Amino acid sequence: MKQPKKSEKRQRNKFIIFRATEEEKQSFLDLAEKSGLSPADYFRKSTLGTKPLKPTNDTKLLAKMLAEWGRIGSNLNQIARHYNSGTATDQELGLDIIDKVENIRTDLRKALGYDL
């Protein structure tokens, strides 16, 4: 069976058109720009509560950072396992490192807009 083209798979094929004053339009466009989203994605997120379709450059960078922190966290868990077999001082240091990484990860998830 032939694979459908990308345009044939699109589900968002309906238009919503409404009238606004020039000031309302500019205010809407300004809010969308400040949020880093396209006007369509800003509308979907603000009115429908959906996630944006197209990530901005900042969002892509934050998502990449979050993935890197996941890998770092995995390595730190291995280090913590080593510390857990050592002295109490080693254990405190390992747990402190893991706690700091988890805080950074949480901040990144908040910046990306993930539900926590």
PDB file of N, CA and C in Angstrom:
ATOM      1  N   MET A   1       0.848  -1.185   0.000  1.00  0.00           N
ATOM      2  CA  MET A   1       0.000   0.000   0.000  1.00  0.00           C
ATOM      3  C   MET A   1       0.885   1.237   0.000  1.00  0.00           C
ATOM      4  N   LYS A   2       0.490   2.221  -0.770  1.00  0.00           N
ATOM      5  CA  LYS A   2       1.264   3.453  -0.896  1.00  0.00           C
ATOM      6  C   LYS A   2       1.157   4.298   0.369  1.00  0.00           C
ATOM      7  N   GLN A   3       2.312   4.799   0.830  1.00  0.00           N
ATOM      8  CA  GLN A   3       2.369   5.655   2.027  1.00  0.00           C
ATOM      9  C   GLN A   3       1.744   7.013   1.698  1.00  0.00           C
ATOM     10  N   PRO A   4       0.796   7.514   2.505  1.00  0.00           N
ATOM     11  CA  PRO A   4       0.213   8.819   2.211  1.00  0.00           C
ATOM     12  C   PRO A   4       1.253   9.924   2.349  1.00  0.00           C
ATOM     13  N   LYS A   5       1.101  10.946   1.521  1.00  0.00           N
ATOM     14  CA  LYS A   5       1.991  12.102   1.603  1.00  0.00           C
ATOM     15  C   LYS A   5       1.750  12.836   2.907  1.00  0.00           C
ATOM     16  N   LYS A   6       2.765  13.609   3.311  1.00  0.00           N
ATOM     17  CA  LYS A   6       2.649  14.337   4.572  1.00  0.00           C
ATOM     18  C   LYS A   6       1.402  15.224   4.581  1.00  0.00           C
ATOM     19  N   SER A   7       1.137  15.900   3.462  1.00  0.00           N
ATOM     20  CA  SER A   7      -0.018  16.795   3.415  1.00  0.00           C
ATOM     21  C   SER A   7      -1.335  16.036   3.539  1.00  0.00           C
ATOM     22  N   GLU A   8      -1.350  14.763   3.102  1.00  0.00           N
ATOM     23  CA  GLU A   8      -2.571  13.955   3.214  1.00  0.00           C
ATOM     24  C   GLU A   8      -2.792  13.484   4.648  1.00  0.00           C
ATOM     25  N   LYS A   9      -1.741  13.450   5.454  1.00  0.00           N
ATOM     26  CA  LYS A   9      -1.851  12.996   6.835  1.00  0.00           C
ATOM     27  C   LYS A   9      -2.233  14.123   7.791  1.00  0.00           C
ATOM     28  N   ARG A  10      -2.150  15.332   7.315  1.00  0.00           N
ATOM     29  CA  ARG A  10      -2.445  16.464   8.194  1.00  0.00           C
ATOM     30  C   ARG A  10      -3.886  16.419   8.650  1.00  0.00           C
ATOM     31  N   GLN A  11      -4.084  16.656   9.940  1.00  0.00           N
ATOM     32  CA  GLN A  11      -5.438  16.643  10.481  1.00  0.00           C
ATOM     33  C   GLN A  11      -5.988  18.060  10.634  1.00  0.00           C
ATOM     34  N   ARG A  12      -5.113  19.016  10.785  1.00  0.00           N
ATOM     35  CA  ARG A  12      -5.561  20.400  10.966  1.00  0.00           C
ATOM     36  C   ARG A  12      -5.750  21.035   9.599  1.00  0.00           C
ATOM     37  N   ASN A  13      -6.955  20.908   9.084  1.00  0.00           N
ATOM     38  CA  ASN A  13      -7.230  21.424   7.755  1.00  0.00           C
ATOM     39  C   ASN A  13      -8.414  22.387   7.739  1.00  0.00           C
ATOM     40  N   LYS A  14      -8.838  22.843   8.887  1.00  0.00           N
ATOM     41  CA  LYS A  14      -9.950  23.785   8.998  1.00  0.00           C
ATOM     42  C   LYS A  14      -9.409  25.146   9.439  1.00  0.00           C
ATOM     43  N   PHE A  15     -10.049  26.200   8.955  1.00  0.00           N
ATOM     44  CA  PHE A  15      -9.638  27.556   9.288  1.00  0.00           C
ATOM     45  C   PHE A  15     -10.621  28.177  10.265  1.00  0.00           C
ATOM     46  N   ILE A  16     -10.093  29.002  11.168  1.00  0.00           N
ATOM     47  CA  ILE A  16     -10.922  29.795  12.071  1.00  0.00           C
ATOM     48  C   ILE A  16     -10.621  31.246  11.734  1.00  0.00           C
ATOM     49  N   ILE A  17     -11.628  31.969  11.348  1.00  0.00           N
ATOM     50  CA  ILE A  17     -11.444  33.370  10.974  1.00  0.00           C
ATOM     51  C   ILE A  17     -12.372  34.212  11.841  1.00  0.00           C
ATOM     52  N   PHE A  18     -11.819  35.275  12.417  1.00  0.00           N
ATOM     53  CA  PHE A  18     -12.646  36.200  13.184  1.00  0.00           C
ATOM     54  C   PHE A  18     -12.095  37.605  13.007  1.00  0.00           C
ATOM     55  N   ARG A  19     -12.935  38.576  13.250  1.00  0.00           N
ATOM     56  CA  ARG A  19     -12.553  39.977  13.077  1.00  0.00           C
ATOM     57  C   ARG A  19     -11.950  40.516  14.368  1.00  0.00           C
ATOM     58  N   ALA A  20     -10.993  41.417  14.190  1.00  0.00           N
ATOM     59  CA  ALA A  20     -10.361  42.083  15.328  1.00  0.00           C
ATOM     60  C   ALA A  20      -9.944  43.473  14.889  1.00  0.00           C
ATOM     61  N   THR A  21      -9.801  44.358  15.848  1.00  0.00           N
ATOM     62  CA  THR A  21      -9.275  45.684  15.526  1.00  0.00           C
ATOM     63  C   THR A  21      -7.776  45.555  15.281  1.00  0.00           C
ATOM     64  N   GLU A  22      -7.195  46.586  14.716  1.00  0.00           N
ATOM     65  CA  GLU A  22      -5.749  46.571  14.480  1.00  0.00           C
ATOM     66  C   GLU A  22      -4.996  46.431  15.801  1.00  0.00           C
ATOM     67  N   GLU A  23      -5.486  47.079  16.856  1.00  0.00           N
ATOM     68  CA  GLU A  23      -4.840  47.000  18.170  1.00  0.00           C
ATOM     69  C   GLU A  23      -4.942  45.591  18.759  1.00  0.00           C
ATOM     70  N   GLU A  24      -6.118  44.962  18.617  1.00  0.00           N
ATOM     71  CA  GLU A  24      -6.290  43.600  19.108  1.00  0.00           C
ATOM     72  C   GLU A  24      -5.373  42.631  18.369  1.00  0.00           C
ATOM     73  N   LYS A  25      -5.299  42.797  17.067  1.00  0.00           N
ATOM     74  CA  LYS A  25      -4.434  41.935  16.268  1.00  0.00           C
ATOM     75  C   LYS A  25      -2.981  42.096  16.694  1.00  0.00           C
ATOM     76  N   GLN A  26      -2.544  43.350  16.833  1.00  0.00           N
ATOM     77  CA  GLN A  26      -1.152  43.596  17.208  1.00  0.00           C
ATOM     78  C   GLN A  26      -0.858  43.066  18.608  1.00  0.00           C
ATOM     79  N   SER A  27      -1.810  43.227  19.512  1.00  0.00           N
ATOM     80  CA  SER A  27      -1.634  42.702  20.869  1.00  0.00           C
ATOM     81  C   SER A  27      -1.485  41.183  20.846  1.00  0.00           C
ATOM     82  N   PHE A  28      -2.325  40.517  20.054  1.00  0.00           N
ATOM     83  CA  PHE A  28      -2.248  39.063  19.925  1.00  0.00           C
ATOM     84  C   PHE A  28      -0.899  38.634  19.354  1.00  0.00           C
ATOM     85  N   LEU A  29      -0.457  39.308  18.281  1.00  0.00           N
ATOM     86  CA  LEU A  29       0.826  38.967  17.659  1.00  0.00           C
ATOM     87  C   LEU A  29       1.992  39.224  18.610  1.00  0.00           C
ATOM     88  N   ASP A  30       1.897  40.293  19.399  1.00  0.00           N
ATOM     89  CA  ASP A  30       2.949  40.593  20.381  1.00  0.00           C
ATOM     90  C   ASP A  30       3.020  39.496  21.446  1.00  0.00           C
ATOM     91  N   LEU A  31       1.863  39.066  21.942  1.00  0.00           N
ATOM     92  CA  LEU A  31       1.836  38.000  22.950  1.00  0.00           C
ATOM     93  C   LEU A  31       2.409  36.702  22.392  1.00  0.00           C
ATOM     94  N   ALA A  32       2.064  36.390  21.152  1.00  0.00           N
ATOM     95  CA  ALA A  32       2.590  35.169  20.529  1.00  0.00           C
ATOM     96  C   ALA A  32       4.104  35.258  20.396  1.00  0.00           C
ATOM     97  N   GLU A  33       4.593  36.423  19.967  1.00  0.00           N
ATOM     98  CA  GLU A  33       6.043  36.596  19.809  1.00  0.00           C
ATOM     99  C   GLU A  33       6.758  36.492  21.150  1.00  0.00           C
ATOM    100  N   LYS A  34       6.206  37.103  22.184  1.00  0.00           N
ATOM    101  CA  LYS A  34       6.821  37.035  23.513  1.00  0.00           C
ATOM    102  C   LYS A  34       6.871  35.609  24.034  1.00  0.00           C
ATOM    103  N   SER A  35       5.879  34.800  23.669  1.00  0.00           N
ATOM    104  CA  SER A  35       5.854  33.414  24.135  1.00  0.00           C
ATOM    105  C   SER A  35       6.810  32.536  23.334  1.00  0.00           C
ATOM    106  N   GLY A  36       7.295  33.043  22.202  1.00  0.00           N
ATOM    107  CA  GLY A  36       8.199  32.257  21.372  1.00  0.00           C
ATOM    108  C   GLY A  36       7.482  31.265  20.473  1.00  0.00           C
ATOM    109  N   LEU A  37       6.167  31.418  20.342  1.00  0.00           N
ATOM    110  CA  LEU A  37       5.368  30.500  19.533  1.00  0.00           C
ATOM    111  C   LEU A  37       4.850  31.216  18.291  1.00  0.00           C
ATOM    112  N   SER A  38       4.483  30.425  17.298  1.00  0.00           N
ATOM    113  CA  SER A  38       3.812  30.999  16.139  1.00  0.00           C
ATOM    114  C   SER A  38       2.422  31.450  16.599  1.00  0.00           C
ATOM    115  N   PRO A  39       1.798  32.382  15.872  1.00  0.00           N
ATOM    116  CA  PRO A  39       0.447  32.796  16.268  1.00  0.00           C
ATOM    117  C   PRO A  39      -0.534  31.616  16.368  1.00  0.00           C
ATOM    118  N   ALA A  40      -0.457  30.661  15.442  1.00  0.00           N
ATOM    119  CA  ALA A  40      -1.367  29.509  15.490  1.00  0.00           C
ATOM    120  C   ALA A  40      -1.110  28.655  16.734  1.00  0.00           C
ATOM    121  N   ASP A  41       0.167  28.396  17.021  1.00  0.00           N
ATOM    122  CA  ASP A  41       0.487  27.597  18.208  1.00  0.00           C
ATOM    123  C   ASP A  41       0.116  28.335  19.489  1.00  0.00           C
ATOM    124  N   TYR A  42       0.327  29.661  19.510  1.00  0.00           N
ATOM    125  CA  TYR A  42      -0.047  30.441  20.683  1.00  0.00           C
ATOM    126  C   TYR A  42      -1.560  30.358  20.908  1.00  0.00           C
ATOM    127  N   PHE A  43      -2.342  30.470  19.834  1.00  0.00           N
ATOM    128  CA  PHE A  43      -3.795  30.368  19.941  1.00  0.00           C
ATOM    129  C   PHE A  43      -4.194  29.000  20.494  1.00  0.00           C
ATOM    130  N   ARG A  44      -3.600  27.930  19.936  1.00  0.00           N
ATOM    131  CA  ARG A  44      -3.948  26.583  20.403  1.00  0.00           C
ATOM    132  C   ARG A  44      -3.602  26.398  21.872  1.00  0.00           C
ATOM    133  N   LYS A  45      -2.404  26.862  22.257  1.00  0.00           N
ATOM    134  CA  LYS A  45      -1.972  26.664  23.642  1.00  0.00           C
ATOM    135  C   LYS A  45      -2.809  27.498  24.607  1.00  0.00           C
ATOM    136  N   SER A  46      -3.085  28.758  24.243  1.00  0.00           N
ATOM    137  CA  SER A  46      -3.793  29.645  25.172  1.00  0.00           C
ATOM    138  C   SER A  46      -5.291  29.362  25.245  1.00  0.00           C
ATOM    139  N   THR A  47      -5.903  28.930  24.161  1.00  0.00           N
ATOM    140  CA  THR A  47      -7.352  28.715  24.193  1.00  0.00           C
ATOM    141  C   THR A  47      -7.743  27.254  24.333  1.00  0.00           C
ATOM    142  N   LEU A  48      -6.974  26.363  23.751  1.00  0.00           N
ATOM    143  CA  LEU A  48      -7.334  24.946  23.768  1.00  0.00           C
ATOM    144  C   LEU A  48      -6.505  24.130  24.746  1.00  0.00           C
ATOM    145  N   GLY A  49      -5.427  24.729  25.259  1.00  0.00           N
ATOM    146  CA  GLY A  49      -4.572  24.038  26.212  1.00  0.00           C
ATOM    147  C   GLY A  49      -3.746  22.925  25.590  1.00  0.00           C
ATOM    148  N   THR A  50      -3.518  22.987  24.279  1.00  0.00           N
ATOM    149  CA  THR A  50      -2.727  21.953  23.620  1.00  0.00           C
ATOM    150  C   THR A  50      -1.267  22.353  23.570  1.00  0.00           C
ATOM    151  N   LYS A  51      -0.400  21.366  23.326  1.00  0.00           N
ATOM    152  CA  LYS A  51       1.027  21.641  23.209  1.00  0.00           C
ATOM    153  C   LYS A  51       1.318  22.188  21.815  1.00  0.00           C
ATOM    154  N   PRO A  52       2.271  23.118  21.712  1.00  0.00           N
ATOM    155  CA  PRO A  52       2.613  23.676  20.404  1.00  0.00           C
ATOM    156  C   PRO A  52       3.156  22.612  19.457  1.00  0.00           C
ATOM    157  N   LEU A  53       2.876  22.785  18.181  1.00  0.00           N
ATOM    158  CA  LEU A  53       3.364  21.845  17.178  1.00  0.00           C
ATOM    159  C   LEU A  53       4.829  22.067  16.830  1.00  0.00           C
ATOM    160  N   LYS A  54       5.187  23.321  16.657  1.00  0.00           N
ATOM    161  CA  LYS A  54       6.527  23.626  16.185  1.00  0.00           C
ATOM    162  C   LYS A  54       7.350  24.216  17.323  1.00  0.00           C
ATOM    163  N   PRO A  55       8.340  23.500  17.806  1.00  0.00           N
ATOM    164  CA  PRO A  55       9.152  24.062  18.876  1.00  0.00           C
ATOM    165  C   PRO A  55      10.019  25.208  18.364  1.00  0.00           C
ATOM    166  N   THR A  56      10.214  26.208  19.185  1.00  0.00           N
ATOM    167  CA  THR A  56      11.095  27.317  18.832  1.00  0.00           C
ATOM    168  C   THR A  56      12.533  26.872  19.035  1.00  0.00           C
ATOM    169  N   ASN A  57      13.462  27.696  18.604  1.00  0.00           N
ATOM    170  CA  ASN A  57      14.873  27.372  18.789  1.00  0.00           C
ATOM    171  C   ASN A  57      15.202  27.223  20.268  1.00  0.00           C
ATOM    172  N   ASP A  58      14.627  28.087  21.110  1.00  0.00           N
ATOM    173  CA  ASP A  58      14.873  27.984  22.551  1.00  0.00           C
ATOM    174  C   ASP A  58      14.338  26.663  23.096  1.00  0.00           C
ATOM    175  N   THR A  59      13.161  26.267  22.648  1.00  0.00           N
ATOM    176  CA  THR A  59      12.574  25.023  23.112  1.00  0.00           C
ATOM    177  C   THR A  59      13.423  23.838  22.681  1.00  0.00           C
ATOM    178  N   LYS A  60      13.910  23.876  21.442  1.00  0.00           N
ATOM    179  CA  LYS A  60      14.773  22.797  20.962  1.00  0.00           C
ATOM    180  C   LYS A  60      16.039  22.714  21.811  1.00  0.00           C
ATOM    181  N   LEU A  61      16.617  23.865  22.127  1.00  0.00           N
ATOM    182  CA  LEU A  61      17.833  23.893  22.937  1.00  0.00           C
ATOM    183  C   LEU A  61      17.557  23.360  24.341  1.00  0.00           C
ATOM    184  N   LEU A  62      16.450  23.792  24.945  1.00  0.00           N
ATOM    185  CA  LEU A  62      16.104  23.315  26.284  1.00  0.00           C
ATOM    186  C   LEU A  62      15.840  21.813  26.278  1.00  0.00           C
ATOM    187  N   ALA A  63      15.179  21.304  25.241  1.00  0.00           N
ATOM    188  CA  ALA A  63      14.920  19.871  25.163  1.00  0.00           C
ATOM    189  C   ALA A  63      16.229  19.099  25.033  1.00  0.00           C
ATOM    190  N   LYS A  64      17.162  19.637  24.267  1.00  0.00           N
ATOM    191  CA  LYS A  64      18.467  18.985  24.126  1.00  0.00           C
ATOM    192  C   LYS A  64      19.209  18.988  25.463  1.00  0.00           C
ATOM    193  N   MET A  65      19.126  20.118  26.171  1.00  0.00           N
ATOM    194  CA  MET A  65      19.766  20.205  27.485  1.00  0.00           C
ATOM    195  C   MET A  65      19.137  19.207  28.452  1.00  0.00           C
ATOM    196  N   LEU A  66      17.822  19.059  28.387  1.00  0.00           N
ATOM    197  CA  LEU A  66      17.134  18.124  29.270  1.00  0.00           C
ATOM    198  C   LEU A  66      17.607  16.692  28.995  1.00  0.00           C
ATOM    199  N   ALA A  67      17.782  16.361  27.734  1.00  0.00           N
ATOM    200  CA  ALA A  67      18.277  15.023  27.387  1.00  0.00           C
ATOM    201  C   ALA A  67      19.693  14.824  27.924  1.00  0.00           C
ATOM    202  N   GLU A  68      20.530  15.845  27.791  1.00  0.00           N
ATOM    203  CA  GLU A  68      21.899  15.757  28.306  1.00  0.00           C
ATOM    204  C   GLU A  68      21.893  15.572  29.822  1.00  0.00           C
ATOM    205  N   TRP A  69      21.016  16.308  30.507  1.00  0.00           N
ATOM    206  CA  TRP A  69      20.933  16.169  31.967  1.00  0.00           C
ATOM    207  C   TRP A  69      20.467  14.777  32.354  1.00  0.00           C
ATOM    208  N   GLY A  70      19.635  14.167  31.523  1.00  0.00           N
ATOM    209  CA  GLY A  70      19.220  12.791  31.791  1.00  0.00           C
ATOM    210  C   GLY A  70      20.409  11.846  31.750  1.00  0.00           C
ATOM    211  N   ARG A  71      21.280  12.035  30.772  1.00  0.00           N
ATOM    212  CA  ARG A  71      22.471  11.194  30.675  1.00  0.00           C
ATOM    213  C   ARG A  71      23.416  11.457  31.847  1.00  0.00           C
ATOM    214  N   ILE A  72      23.570  12.727  32.201  1.00  0.00           N
ATOM    215  CA  ILE A  72      24.429  13.067  33.339  1.00  0.00           C
ATOM    216  C   ILE A  72      23.862  12.450  34.617  1.00  0.00           C
ATOM    217  N   GLY A  73      22.534  12.537  34.769  1.00  0.00           N
ATOM    218  CA  GLY A  73      21.894  11.955  35.949  1.00  0.00           C
ATOM    219  C   GLY A  73      22.122  10.459  36.038  1.00  0.00           C
ATOM    220  N   SER A  74      22.105   9.787  34.888  1.00  0.00           N
ATOM    221  CA  SER A  74      22.362   8.354  34.875  1.00  0.00           C
ATOM    222  C   SER A  74      23.780   8.059  35.362  1.00  0.00           C
ATOM    223  N   ASN A  75      24.729   8.837  34.869  1.00  0.00           N
ATOM    224  CA  ASN A  75      26.116   8.661  35.316  1.00  0.00           C
ATOM    225  C   ASN A  75      26.251   8.949  36.816  1.00  0.00           C
ATOM    226  N   LEU A  76      25.542   9.973  37.281  1.00  0.00           N
ATOM    227  CA  LEU A  76      25.625  10.305  38.704  1.00  0.00           C
ATOM    228  C   LEU A  76      25.002   9.213  39.574  1.00  0.00           C
ATOM    229  N   ASN A  77      23.985   8.556  39.059  1.00  0.00           N
ATOM    230  CA  ASN A  77      23.418   7.436  39.823  1.00  0.00           C
ATOM    231  C   ASN A  77      24.441   6.317  39.990  1.00  0.00           C
ATOM    232  N   GLN A  78      25.255   6.084  38.965  1.00  0.00           N
ATOM    233  CA  GLN A  78      26.309   5.082  39.080  1.00  0.00           C
ATOM    234  C   GLN A  78      27.349   5.517  40.112  1.00  0.00           C
ATOM    235  N   ILE A  79      27.669   6.815  40.092  1.00  0.00           N
ATOM    236  CA  ILE A  79      28.621   7.346  41.082  1.00  0.00           C
ATOM    237  C   ILE A  79      28.025   7.223  42.484  1.00  0.00           C
ATOM    238  N   ALA A  80      26.745   7.533  42.621  1.00  0.00           N
ATOM    239  CA  ALA A  80      26.085   7.444  43.930  1.00  0.00           C
ATOM    240  C   ALA A  80      26.098   6.011  44.445  1.00  0.00           C
ATOM    241  N   ARG A  81      25.914   5.062  43.556  1.00  0.00           N
ATOM    242  CA  ARG A  81      25.963   3.660  43.957  1.00  0.00           C
ATOM    243  C   ARG A  81      27.335   3.342  44.562  1.00  0.00           C
ATOM    244  N   HIS A  82      28.364   3.910  43.948  1.00  0.00           N
ATOM    245  CA  HIS A  82      29.714   3.729  44.483  1.00  0.00           C
ATOM    246  C   HIS A  82      29.836   4.383  45.867  1.00  0.00           C
ATOM    247  N   TYR A  83      29.305   5.627  45.983  1.00  0.00           N
ATOM    248  CA  TYR A  83      29.385   6.333  47.262  1.00  0.00           C
ATOM    249  C   TYR A  83      28.594   5.615  48.350  1.00  0.00           C
ATOM    250  N   ASN A  84      27.484   5.035  47.982  1.00  0.00           N
ATOM    251  CA  ASN A  84      26.649   4.341  48.963  1.00  0.00           C
ATOM    252  C   ASN A  84      27.359   3.151  49.594  1.00  0.00           C
ATOM    253  N   SER A  85      28.359   2.651  48.930  1.00  0.00           N
ATOM    254  CA  SER A  85      29.110   1.541  49.513  1.00  0.00           C
ATOM    255  C   SER A  85      30.298   2.042  50.337  1.00  0.00           C
ATOM    256  N   GLY A  86      30.442   3.377  50.437  1.00  0.00           N
ATOM    257  CA  GLY A  86      31.572   3.957  51.158  1.00  0.00           C
ATOM    258  C   GLY A  86      31.184   4.526  52.505  1.00  0.00           C
ATOM    259  N   THR A  87      31.855   5.600  52.894  1.00  0.00           N
ATOM    260  CA  THR A  87      31.642   6.233  54.199  1.00  0.00           C
ATOM    261  C   THR A  87      30.421   7.144  54.168  1.00  0.00           C
ATOM    262  N   ALA A  88      30.033   7.609  55.355  1.00  0.00           N
ATOM    263  CA  ALA A  88      28.881   8.510  55.458  1.00  0.00           C
ATOM    264  C   ALA A  88      29.144   9.813  54.708  1.00  0.00           C
ATOM    265  N   THR A  89      30.364  10.329  54.727  1.00  0.00           N
ATOM    266  CA  THR A  89      30.715  11.563  54.017  1.00  0.00           C
ATOM    267  C   THR A  89      30.532  11.366  52.518  1.00  0.00           C
ATOM    268  N   ASP A  90      30.987  10.209  52.008  1.00  0.00           N
ATOM    269  CA  ASP A  90      30.818   9.907  50.592  1.00  0.00           C
ATOM    270  C   ASP A  90      29.341   9.844  50.220  1.00  0.00           C
ATOM    271  N   GLN A  91      28.542   9.268  51.103  1.00  0.00           N
ATOM    272  CA  GLN A  91      27.113   9.161  50.836  1.00  0.00           C
ATOM    273  C   GLN A  91      26.464  10.534  50.765  1.00  0.00           C
ATOM    274  N   GLU A  92      26.810  11.434  51.697  1.00  0.00           N
ATOM    275  CA  GLU A  92      26.242  12.777  51.707  1.00  0.00           C
ATOM    276  C   GLU A  92      26.620  13.537  50.440  1.00  0.00           C
ATOM    277  N   LEU A  93      27.872  13.413  50.019  1.00  0.00           N
ATOM    278  CA  LEU A  93      28.334  14.089  48.814  1.00  0.00           C
ATOM    279  C   LEU A  93      27.582  13.568  47.588  1.00  0.00           C
ATOM    280  N   GLY A  94      27.449  12.276  47.466  1.00  0.00           N
ATOM    281  CA  GLY A  94      26.738  11.688  46.336  1.00  0.00           C
ATOM    282  C   GLY A  94      25.283  12.116  46.289  1.00  0.00           C
ATOM    283  N   LEU A  95      24.604  12.099  47.422  1.00  0.00           N
ATOM    284  CA  LEU A  95      23.200  12.504  47.476  1.00  0.00           C
ATOM    285  C   LEU A  95      23.034  13.990  47.168  1.00  0.00           C
ATOM    286  N   ASP A  96      23.988  14.799  47.610  1.00  0.00           N
ATOM    287  CA  ASP A  96      23.953  16.236  47.330  1.00  0.00           C
ATOM    288  C   ASP A  96      24.075  16.492  45.830  1.00  0.00           C
ATOM    289  N   ILE A  97      24.976  15.775  45.171  1.00  0.00           N
ATOM    290  CA  ILE A  97      25.151  15.927  43.729  1.00  0.00           C
ATOM    291  C   ILE A  97      23.875  15.531  42.993  1.00  0.00           C
ATOM    292  N   ILE A  98      23.301  14.409  43.367  1.00  0.00           N
ATOM    293  CA  ILE A  98      22.072  13.943  42.714  1.00  0.00           C
ATOM    294  C   ILE A  98      20.940  14.942  42.923  1.00  0.00           C
ATOM    295  N   ASP A  99      20.834  15.502  44.123  1.00  0.00           N
ATOM    296  CA  ASP A  99      19.791  16.476  44.416  1.00  0.00           C
ATOM    297  C   ASP A  99      19.942  17.718  43.538  1.00  0.00           C
ATOM    298  N   LYS A 100      21.171  18.191  43.361  1.00  0.00           N
ATOM    299  CA  LYS A 100      21.406  19.373  42.521  1.00  0.00           C
ATOM    300  C   LYS A 100      21.046  19.101  41.062  1.00  0.00           C
ATOM    301  N   VAL A 101      21.400  17.941  40.570  1.00  0.00           N
ATOM    302  CA  VAL A 101      21.068  17.588  39.187  1.00  0.00           C
ATOM    303  C   VAL A 101      19.552  17.494  39.019  1.00  0.00           C
ATOM    304  N   GLU A 102      18.885  16.911  39.978  1.00  0.00           N
ATOM    305  CA  GLU A 102      17.427  16.793  39.907  1.00  0.00           C
ATOM    306  C   GLU A 102      16.766  18.170  39.908  1.00  0.00           C
ATOM    307  N   ASN A 103      17.296  19.110  40.688  1.00  0.00           N
ATOM    308  CA  ASN A 103      16.752  20.470  40.695  1.00  0.00           C
ATOM    309  C   ASN A 103      16.914  21.142  39.340  1.00  0.00           C
ATOM    310  N   ILE A 104      18.069  20.960  38.711  1.00  0.00           N
ATOM    311  CA  ILE A 104      18.299  21.534  37.378  1.00  0.00           C
ATOM    312  C   ILE A 104      17.353  20.895  36.375  1.00  0.00           C
ATOM    313  N   ARG A 105      17.177  19.602  36.464  1.00  0.00           N
ATOM    314  CA  ARG A 105      16.269  18.891  35.561  1.00  0.00           C
ATOM    315  C   ARG A 105      14.835  19.401  35.733  1.00  0.00           C
ATOM    316  N   THR A 106      14.423  19.615  36.954  1.00  0.00           N
ATOM    317  CA  THR A 106      13.080  20.128  37.215  1.00  0.00           C
ATOM    318  C   THR A 106      12.913  21.526  36.625  1.00  0.00           C
ATOM    319  N   ASP A 107      13.927  22.376  36.788  1.00  0.00           N
ATOM    320  CA  ASP A 107      13.879  23.725  36.220  1.00  0.00           C
ATOM    321  C   ASP A 107      13.781  23.683  34.699  1.00  0.00           C
ATOM    322  N   LEU A 108      14.526  22.776  34.071  1.00  0.00           N
ATOM    323  CA  LEU A 108      14.457  22.640  32.617  1.00  0.00           C
ATOM    324  C   LEU A 108      13.078  22.178  32.180  1.00  0.00           C
ATOM    325  N   ARG A 109      12.510  21.233  32.896  1.00  0.00           N
ATOM    326  CA  ARG A 109      11.161  20.750  32.544  1.00  0.00           C
ATOM    327  C   ARG A 109      10.140  21.875  32.698  1.00  0.00           C
ATOM    328  N   LYS A 110      10.267  22.697  33.726  1.00  0.00           N
ATOM    329  CA  LYS A 110       9.356  23.829  33.891  1.00  0.00           C
ATOM    330  C   LYS A 110       9.532  24.808  32.740  1.00  0.00           C
ATOM    331  N   ALA A 111      10.781  25.082  32.348  1.00  0.00           N
ATOM    332  CA  ALA A 111      11.039  26.017  31.235  1.00  0.00           C
ATOM    333  C   ALA A 111      10.458  25.505  29.930  1.00  0.00           C
ATOM    334  N   LEU A 112      10.416  24.187  29.774  1.00  0.00           N
ATOM    335  CA  LEU A 112       9.844  23.590  28.564  1.00  0.00           C
ATOM    336  C   LEU A 112       8.329  23.505  28.633  1.00  0.00           C
ATOM    337  N   GLY A 113       7.752  23.755  29.810  1.00  0.00           N
ATOM    338  CA  GLY A 113       6.304  23.732  29.943  1.00  0.00           C
ATOM    339  C   GLY A 113       5.726  22.364  30.225  1.00  0.00           C
ATOM    340  N   TYR A 114       6.576  21.411  30.626  1.00  0.00           N
ATOM    341  CA  TYR A 114       6.074  20.080  30.958  1.00  0.00           C
ATOM    342  C   TYR A 114       5.332  20.128  32.278  1.00  0.00           C
ATOM    343  N   ASP A 115       4.280  19.330  32.380  1.00  0.00           N
ATOM    344  CA  ASP A 115       3.551  19.218  33.636  1.00  0.00           C
ATOM    345  C   ASP A 115       4.410  18.459  34.626  1.00  0.00           C
ATOM    346  N   LEU A 116       4.456  18.945  35.844  1.00  0.00           N
ATOM    347  CA  LEU A 116       5.262  18.278  36.874  1.00  0.00           C
ATOM    348  C   LEU A 116       4.383  17.663  37.926  1.00  0.00           C
TER     349      LEU A 116
END
